[in-house]
Amino acid sequence: MSTRNIHIIGVGFESESIIDVLRSDLPCDKVYLLWNNDPRVIASKDRVVDALLSSGFRPEDVMEEEVDVFDYQMILNRVMRISQIEKEKAESSKTDLRFYLNISHSTRLVTGALCTATMILGAQMYYLKVRESGPEDRGINDMIIRVPTPRIPDMDKITDKRRRFLKLVCSEKDGLTVSELAAEFSSKQNVNQFVGFFEDNNLVERIHEGRNVRIKATELGMMVANWLI
């Protein structure tokens, strides 16, 4: 199955770094440019579009999305709508999707919305490091900084029993052993089912201590437990 790489980019006053990134080794098949009606941003966006079309991108793969840079919710909704459209296309064509979100020159609210979307989508967020003057000439690939961002688990799948399990694990700083948890949840088989679900969502981890296995919450797991009522 092929993979389609989608970049969503907040456009600022400077266009060259966006063009450089899209000519780097980062895979890119389609670009969405988030822009606003500031004349300098429009000029920057137009330069990016012209450069991409000149380098071989098809017009349908260079999309221009106007946003209100002072409306966080509107920006986030637009990004999520873009992802929904692309997922529907990918499903019909049996294609995998990978989203890349560029925050190099975004405003604070656009950056905030892209950060939230990154966690929801499990996307790769990145930015281009500012070039420093000096004798070392670093290539564009060395200037791209990938930001590790945890993915938010699907809260709807955390049932009442799973909530109770996670909260119990989080109640002890060093976690609990499988045997201790089995005393609360009937059997080790039940415990392993809970652990499997939370491990897949990066909320708990197994700590091996000789013959014993301790289940401990990750930092993300502690955060999610605080969100649960």
Protein backbone atom coordinates (compact mmCIF):
# COMPACT_ATOMS: atom_id res chain seq x y z
CA MET A 1 0.00 0.00 0.00
CA SER A 2 1.37 3.41 -0.97
CA THR A 3 1.70 6.35 1.43
CA ARG A 4 0.57 9.90 0.70
CA ASN A 5 2.38 12.64 2.63
CA ILE A 6 0.37 15.78 3.38
CA HIS A 7 1.98 18.99 4.68
CA ILE A 8 -0.08 21.68 6.43
CA ILE A 9 1.86 24.92 6.74
CA GLY A 10 1.18 28.23 8.43
CA VAL A 11 2.41 30.95 6.07
CA GLY A 12 4.17 34.02 7.47
CA PHE A 13 6.03 36.92 5.91
CA GLU A 14 9.00 34.81 4.81
CA SER A 15 8.62 32.25 2.03
CA GLU A 16 12.09 30.89 1.29
CA SER A 17 12.26 28.54 4.28
CA ILE A 18 8.92 26.96 3.30
CA ILE A 19 10.19 26.43 -0.23
CA ASP A 20 13.47 24.99 1.09
CA VAL A 21 11.68 22.54 3.37
CA LEU A 22 9.47 21.29 0.56
CA ARG A 23 12.59 20.67 -1.51
CA SER A 24 14.27 18.74 1.32
CA ASP A 25 14.25 15.01 1.98
CA LEU A 26 10.94 15.21 3.85
CA PRO A 27 8.42 13.29 1.73
CA CYS A 28 5.71 15.57 0.37
CA ASP A 29 2.87 14.82 -2.05
CA LYS A 30 0.42 17.59 -1.22
CA VAL A 31 0.55 20.97 0.54
CA TYR A 32 -2.07 23.01 2.35
CA LEU A 33 -1.05 26.63 2.96
CA LEU A 34 -2.81 28.45 5.81
CA TRP A 35 -2.74 32.16 5.09
CA ASN A 36 -4.49 35.39 6.10
CA ASN A 37 -5.31 38.66 4.35
CA ASP A 38 -2.20 40.55 5.42
CA PRO A 39 -0.63 41.79 2.12
CA ARG A 40 2.81 40.53 3.18
CA VAL A 41 1.45 37.07 3.94
CA ILE A 42 -0.43 36.99 0.62
CA ALA A 43 2.78 37.90 -1.23
CA SER A 44 4.68 35.19 0.65
CA LYS A 45 1.99 32.60 -0.06
CA ASP A 46 1.98 33.48 -3.77
CA ARG A 47 5.77 33.03 -3.95
CA VAL A 48 5.45 29.59 -2.35
CA VAL A 49 2.69 28.55 -4.75
CA ASP A 50 4.66 29.73 -7.79
CA ALA A 51 7.78 27.90 -6.61
CA LEU A 52 5.93 24.64 -5.99
CA LEU A 53 4.14 24.70 -9.33
CA SER A 54 7.42 25.48 -11.08
CA SER A 55 9.09 22.53 -9.35
CA GLY A 56 6.50 20.04 -10.60
CA PHE A 57 3.65 20.06 -8.09
CA ARG A 58 0.22 19.73 -9.67
CA PRO A 59 -2.23 22.60 -9.02
CA GLU A 60 -4.60 20.22 -7.20
CA ASP A 61 -1.77 19.34 -4.81
CA VAL A 62 -1.12 22.94 -3.74
CA MET A 63 -4.13 24.09 -1.74
CA GLU A 64 -4.64 27.59 -0.33
CA GLU A 65 -6.72 27.87 2.85
CA GLU A 66 -7.53 31.33 4.21
CA VAL A 67 -7.89 31.43 8.00
CA ASP A 68 -8.53 33.99 10.71
CA VAL A 69 -5.26 33.98 12.65
CA PHE A 70 -7.08 35.34 15.73
CA ASP A 71 -9.61 32.47 15.88
CA TYR A 72 -7.98 29.37 17.38
CA GLN A 73 -11.09 27.18 17.11
CA MET A 74 -11.67 28.12 13.48
CA ILE A 75 -8.06 27.24 12.61
CA LEU A 76 -8.25 23.90 14.41
CA ASN A 77 -11.59 23.08 12.77
CA ARG A 78 -10.12 23.86 9.35
CA VAL A 79 -7.13 21.59 9.91
CA MET A 80 -9.36 18.77 11.16
CA ARG A 81 -11.65 19.23 8.15
CA ILE A 82 -8.63 18.99 5.85
CA SER A 83 -7.60 15.74 7.55
CA GLN A 84 -11.13 14.35 7.21
CA ILE A 85 -11.24 15.13 3.49
CA GLU A 86 -7.85 13.53 2.91
CA LYS A 87 -8.74 10.46 4.99
CA GLU A 88 -11.90 9.92 2.95
CA LYS A 89 -9.88 10.11 -0.27
CA ALA A 90 -7.24 7.76 1.11
CA GLU A 91 -9.85 5.24 2.21
CA SER A 92 -11.42 5.12 -1.25
CA SER A 93 -8.01 4.70 -2.91
CA LYS A 94 -6.65 2.35 -0.21
CA THR A 95 -3.74 4.69 0.52
CA ASP A 96 -1.95 5.29 3.82
CA LEU A 97 -1.70 8.89 5.03
CA ARG A 98 1.01 10.76 6.90
CA PHE A 99 0.50 14.35 8.04
CA TYR A 100 3.33 16.85 8.55
CA LEU A 101 2.57 20.16 10.27
CA ASN A 102 5.04 23.03 9.77
CA ILE A 103 5.11 25.72 12.48
CA SER A 104 8.22 27.61 11.33
CA HIS A 105 6.51 30.96 10.68
CA SER A 106 3.03 30.55 12.13
CA THR A 107 1.43 33.03 14.51
CA ARG A 108 0.98 31.90 18.11
CA LEU A 109 -2.65 30.87 17.66
CA VAL A 110 -1.94 29.02 14.42
CA THR A 111 0.97 27.24 16.12
CA GLY A 112 -1.29 26.35 19.05
CA ALA A 113 -3.97 24.95 16.75
CA LEU A 114 -1.39 22.95 14.80
CA CYS A 115 0.04 21.54 18.04
CA THR A 116 -3.42 20.38 19.10
CA ALA A 117 -4.09 18.89 15.66
CA THR A 118 -0.73 17.10 15.79
CA MET A 119 -1.70 15.28 18.98
CA ILE A 120 -5.17 14.39 17.71
CA LEU A 121 -3.95 13.16 14.31
CA GLY A 122 -0.72 11.54 15.43
CA ALA A 123 1.03 13.80 12.92
CA GLN A 124 4.67 14.85 12.67
CA MET A 125 5.20 18.48 13.69
CA TYR A 126 8.38 20.23 12.59
CA TYR A 127 10.02 23.61 12.10
CA LEU A 128 13.05 24.99 10.32
CA LYS A 129 15.87 26.12 12.58
CA VAL A 130 17.11 29.67 12.05
CA ARG A 131 20.40 29.68 10.18
CA GLU A 132 23.34 30.94 12.20
CA SER A 133 26.22 32.78 10.61
CA GLY A 134 29.50 30.91 10.74
CA PRO A 135 31.98 28.85 8.76
CA GLU A 136 29.83 25.71 8.93
CA ASP A 137 27.47 25.41 5.97
CA ARG A 138 24.67 23.15 7.12
CA GLY A 139 22.30 21.63 4.59
CA ILE A 140 18.56 22.15 4.73
CA ASN A 141 17.95 18.62 6.02
CA ASP A 142 20.12 19.36 9.07
CA MET A 143 18.05 22.47 9.83
CA ILE A 144 14.70 20.65 10.06
CA ILE A 145 13.73 19.98 13.67
CA ARG A 146 11.10 17.30 14.26
CA VAL A 147 9.05 17.89 17.40
CA PRO A 148 8.10 14.73 19.34
CA THR A 149 4.44 15.01 20.25
CA PRO A 150 2.33 12.38 22.05
CA ARG A 151 -0.92 11.35 20.45
CA ILE A 152 -4.10 11.86 22.45
CA PRO A 153 -5.86 8.50 22.91
CA ASP A 154 -9.47 8.02 21.88
CA MET A 155 -11.21 8.99 25.13
CA ASP A 156 -14.47 7.38 23.98
CA LYS A 157 -12.78 3.97 24.15
CA ILE A 158 -11.86 4.40 27.82
CA THR A 159 -14.74 2.57 29.44
CA ASP A 160 -15.66 2.84 33.14
CA LYS A 161 -13.59 -0.25 33.98
CA ARG A 162 -10.62 1.10 32.02
CA ARG A 163 -10.95 4.44 33.81
CA ARG A 164 -10.89 2.69 37.18
CA PHE A 165 -7.86 0.62 36.11
CA LEU A 166 -5.85 3.63 34.93
CA LYS A 167 -6.71 5.70 37.99
CA LEU A 168 -5.64 2.82 40.24
CA VAL A 169 -2.31 2.48 38.44
CA CYS A 170 -1.77 6.24 38.69
CA SER A 171 -2.59 6.24 42.41
CA GLU A 172 0.84 4.71 43.12
CA LYS A 173 3.93 6.62 42.01
CA ASP A 174 5.83 3.40 41.28
CA GLY A 175 2.81 1.61 39.84
CA LEU A 176 1.39 -1.75 40.89
CA THR A 177 2.35 -5.35 40.18
CA VAL A 178 0.22 -7.53 37.96
CA SER A 179 -0.68 -9.62 41.02
CA GLU A 180 -1.82 -6.55 42.95
CA LEU A 181 -3.97 -5.44 40.02
CA ALA A 182 -5.36 -8.94 39.54
CA ALA A 183 -6.70 -8.81 43.10
CA GLU A 184 -8.80 -5.81 42.06
CA PHE A 185 -9.80 -7.01 38.56
CA SER A 186 -10.51 -10.73 39.08
CA SER A 187 -7.62 -12.23 37.09
CA LYS A 188 -4.25 -11.66 35.46
CA GLN A 189 -5.95 -12.23 32.09
CA ASN A 190 -8.20 -9.21 32.68
CA VAL A 191 -5.22 -7.16 33.78
CA ASN A 192 -3.26 -8.07 30.64
CA GLN A 193 -6.18 -6.98 28.49
CA PHE A 194 -6.27 -3.59 30.21
CA VAL A 195 -2.50 -3.23 30.00
CA GLY A 196 -2.52 -4.09 26.29
CA PHE A 197 -5.02 -1.33 25.57
CA PHE A 198 -3.19 1.31 27.60
CA GLU A 199 0.23 0.28 26.25
CA ASP A 200 -1.06 0.77 22.70
CA ASN A 201 -2.01 4.31 23.68
CA ASN A 202 1.30 4.98 25.49
CA LEU A 203 -0.47 5.43 28.84
CA VAL A 204 1.25 2.67 30.83
CA GLU A 205 4.46 0.69 30.63
CA ARG A 206 5.65 -2.66 31.97
CA ILE A 207 8.59 -2.59 34.38
CA HIS A 208 10.26 -6.00 34.79
CA GLU A 209 11.60 -6.70 38.29
CA GLY A 210 12.94 -10.23 38.30
CA ARG A 211 9.93 -12.52 38.06
CA ASN A 212 7.51 -9.73 38.82
CA VAL A 213 6.06 -7.23 36.36
CA ARG A 214 5.06 -3.80 37.60
CA ILE A 215 2.58 -1.68 35.65
CA LYS A 216 3.44 2.02 35.82
CA ALA A 217 1.72 5.03 34.27
CA THR A 218 3.62 7.11 31.72
CA GLU A 219 3.62 10.91 31.94
CA LEU A 220 0.88 10.96 29.31
CA GLY A 221 -1.03 8.37 31.33
CA MET A 222 -0.88 10.59 34.40
CA MET A 223 -2.19 13.52 32.32
CA VAL A 224 -5.07 11.49 30.89
CA ALA A 225 -6.00 10.15 34.32
CA ASN A 226 -6.39 13.74 35.50
CA TRP A 227 -8.79 14.41 32.59
CA LEU A 228 -10.98 11.44 33.51
CA ILE A 229 -13.93 12.10 35.82
